[in-house]
Amino acid sequence: QVQLVESGGGLVQAGGSLRLSCAASERTFSNYVMGWFRQAPGKERVFVAAINWSGGVTSYADSVKGRFTISRDKNTMYLQLNSLKPEDTAVYYCAADEHKADLTPRSTLRYEYEFWGQGTQVTVSS
């Protein structure tokens, strides 16, 4: 069973940057679609970005396009967060979809993902 561990969260001023990492426990991770979701206090967990098995195809929520970049390398996935805004404050979760190697429109849906990390807090001050 794949285990995912996020790191890299923290407190940053508006306009700043962070890089989140998601380390997977198994090599099989490299065959899965992977994604990032976030959950702000009192709100639903929502899609941020997803990446296919090779890293060659990516998808982003409109709210983060042009500011965030998803990537992957071997057993680790990354999310580069630039030009951060206070509304980006949330717990960020990485997830893996073991049934897909390539992105589909459903890759934005959280229930498509079977494995989740514990989350890492990102706080952006104004």
Protein backbone atom coordinates (compact mmCIF):
# COMPACT_ATOMS: atom_id res chain seq x y z
CA GLN A 1 0.00 0.00 0.00
CA VAL A 2 1.30 3.41 -0.97
CA GLN A 3 2.02 5.79 1.85
CA LEU A 4 2.41 9.49 1.15
CA VAL A 5 4.18 12.05 3.32
CA GLU A 6 3.99 15.78 2.63
CA SER A 7 6.49 18.38 3.75
CA GLY A 8 7.47 21.96 3.01
CA GLY A 9 4.56 23.91 4.38
CA GLY A 10 4.97 26.98 6.54
CA LEU A 11 4.20 30.65 7.10
CA VAL A 12 5.02 33.08 4.31
CA GLN A 13 4.11 36.66 3.43
CA ALA A 14 1.90 37.47 0.49
CA GLY A 15 3.90 37.40 -2.72
CA GLY A 16 6.30 34.82 -1.34
CA SER A 17 7.03 31.25 -2.39
CA LEU A 18 7.06 27.75 -0.96
CA ARG A 19 7.87 24.32 -2.34
CA LEU A 20 5.84 21.38 -1.12
CA SER A 21 7.06 17.79 -1.43
CA CYS A 22 5.20 14.51 -1.34
CA ALA A 23 7.30 11.40 -0.79
CA ALA A 24 5.84 8.01 -1.67
CA SER A 25 6.81 4.82 0.10
CA GLU A 26 6.78 2.56 -2.95
CA ARG A 27 8.11 2.48 -6.50
CA THR A 28 4.60 1.77 -7.80
CA PHE A 29 3.86 5.44 -7.16
CA SER A 30 5.61 6.17 -10.45
CA ASN A 31 2.75 4.49 -12.36
CA TYR A 32 -0.06 6.55 -10.85
CA VAL A 33 -1.75 9.84 -11.46
CA MET A 34 -0.86 12.10 -8.55
CA GLY A 35 -2.58 15.22 -7.32
CA TRP A 36 -2.57 18.08 -4.85
CA PHE A 37 -5.69 19.23 -3.03
CA ARG A 38 -6.19 21.87 -0.35
CA GLN A 39 -8.66 22.50 2.43
CA ALA A 40 -9.19 25.87 4.04
CA PRO A 41 -10.83 26.11 7.49
CA GLY A 42 -14.54 25.42 7.28
CA LYS A 43 -14.41 24.61 3.58
CA GLU A 44 -14.39 21.54 1.36
CA ARG A 45 -11.19 19.91 0.13
CA VAL A 46 -10.66 21.15 -3.41
CA PHE A 47 -8.49 20.30 -6.37
CA VAL A 48 -5.27 22.24 -6.94
CA ALA A 49 -3.22 20.33 -9.51
CA ALA A 50 -2.61 16.89 -10.97
CA ILE A 51 0.13 15.19 -12.97
CA ASN A 52 0.27 12.04 -15.07
CA TRP A 53 2.62 9.11 -14.56
CA SER A 54 5.45 10.52 -16.67
CA GLY A 55 5.16 14.12 -15.52
CA GLY A 56 4.50 15.22 -19.07
CA VAL A 57 0.86 16.17 -18.64
CA THR A 58 -0.45 18.46 -15.92
CA SER A 59 -3.71 20.08 -14.91
CA TYR A 60 -4.40 23.07 -12.65
CA ALA A 61 -7.30 24.73 -10.95
CA ASP A 62 -8.02 28.14 -12.46
CA SER A 63 -7.23 29.81 -9.15
CA VAL A 64 -3.59 28.68 -9.24
CA LYS A 65 -2.75 28.66 -12.95
CA GLY A 66 0.38 30.64 -13.68
CA ARG A 67 1.41 30.69 -10.01
CA PHE A 68 1.77 27.03 -9.00
CA THR A 69 3.77 24.32 -10.75
CA ILE A 70 3.37 20.59 -10.20
CA SER A 71 6.19 18.18 -11.02
CA ARG A 72 7.44 14.73 -10.12
CA ASP A 73 10.69 12.85 -10.01
CA LYS A 74 10.94 9.14 -9.19
CA ASN A 75 9.16 8.66 -5.87
CA THR A 76 8.56 12.32 -5.05
CA MET A 77 6.02 14.86 -6.25
CA TYR A 78 6.40 18.60 -5.84
CA LEU A 79 4.24 21.69 -5.84
CA GLN A 80 6.01 25.00 -6.33
CA LEU A 81 3.87 27.81 -4.97
CA ASN A 82 4.74 31.31 -6.21
CA SER A 83 3.06 34.70 -5.83
CA LEU A 84 1.19 33.40 -2.82
CA LYS A 85 -1.99 35.12 -1.69
CA PRO A 86 -3.76 35.02 1.69
CA GLU A 87 -6.55 33.01 0.05
CA ASP A 88 -4.02 30.23 -0.62
CA THR A 89 -3.94 29.55 3.12
CA ALA A 90 -5.00 25.92 3.66
CA VAL A 91 -3.83 22.45 4.53
CA TYR A 92 -2.36 20.96 1.36
CA TYR A 93 -2.75 17.23 0.72
CA CYS A 94 -1.10 15.01 -1.85
CA ALA A 95 -2.97 12.05 -3.26
CA ALA A 96 -2.50 9.09 -5.57
CA ASP A 97 -4.94 7.45 -7.98
CA GLU A 98 -3.78 3.84 -8.36
CA HIS A 99 -6.26 3.12 -11.17
CA LYS A 100 -4.97 5.68 -13.64
CA ALA A 101 -1.66 6.52 -15.25
CA ASP A 102 -2.96 9.37 -17.42
CA LEU A 103 -5.13 12.34 -16.54
CA THR A 104 -8.84 12.40 -17.25
CA PRO A 105 -11.44 15.07 -16.49
CA ARG A 106 -12.18 13.08 -13.33
CA SER A 107 -8.65 13.70 -12.05
CA THR A 108 -9.95 16.88 -10.44
CA LEU A 109 -12.31 14.87 -8.21
CA ARG A 110 -11.04 13.93 -4.77
CA TYR A 111 -12.92 10.62 -4.59
CA GLU A 112 -10.90 9.36 -7.58
CA TYR A 113 -7.84 9.16 -5.33
CA GLU A 114 -7.33 6.16 -3.05
CA PHE A 115 -4.25 7.24 -1.11
CA TRP A 116 -3.73 10.47 0.82
CA GLY A 117 -1.02 12.07 2.85
CA GLN A 118 -1.53 13.64 6.26
CA GLY A 119 -1.38 17.21 4.94
CA THR A 120 0.93 20.17 5.39
CA GLN A 121 -0.18 23.63 6.52
CA VAL A 122 0.44 26.64 4.29
CA THR A 123 -0.31 30.03 5.84
CA VAL A 124 0.01 33.24 3.82
CA SER A 125 -0.04 36.50 5.75
CA SER A 126 -1.16 39.78 4.20
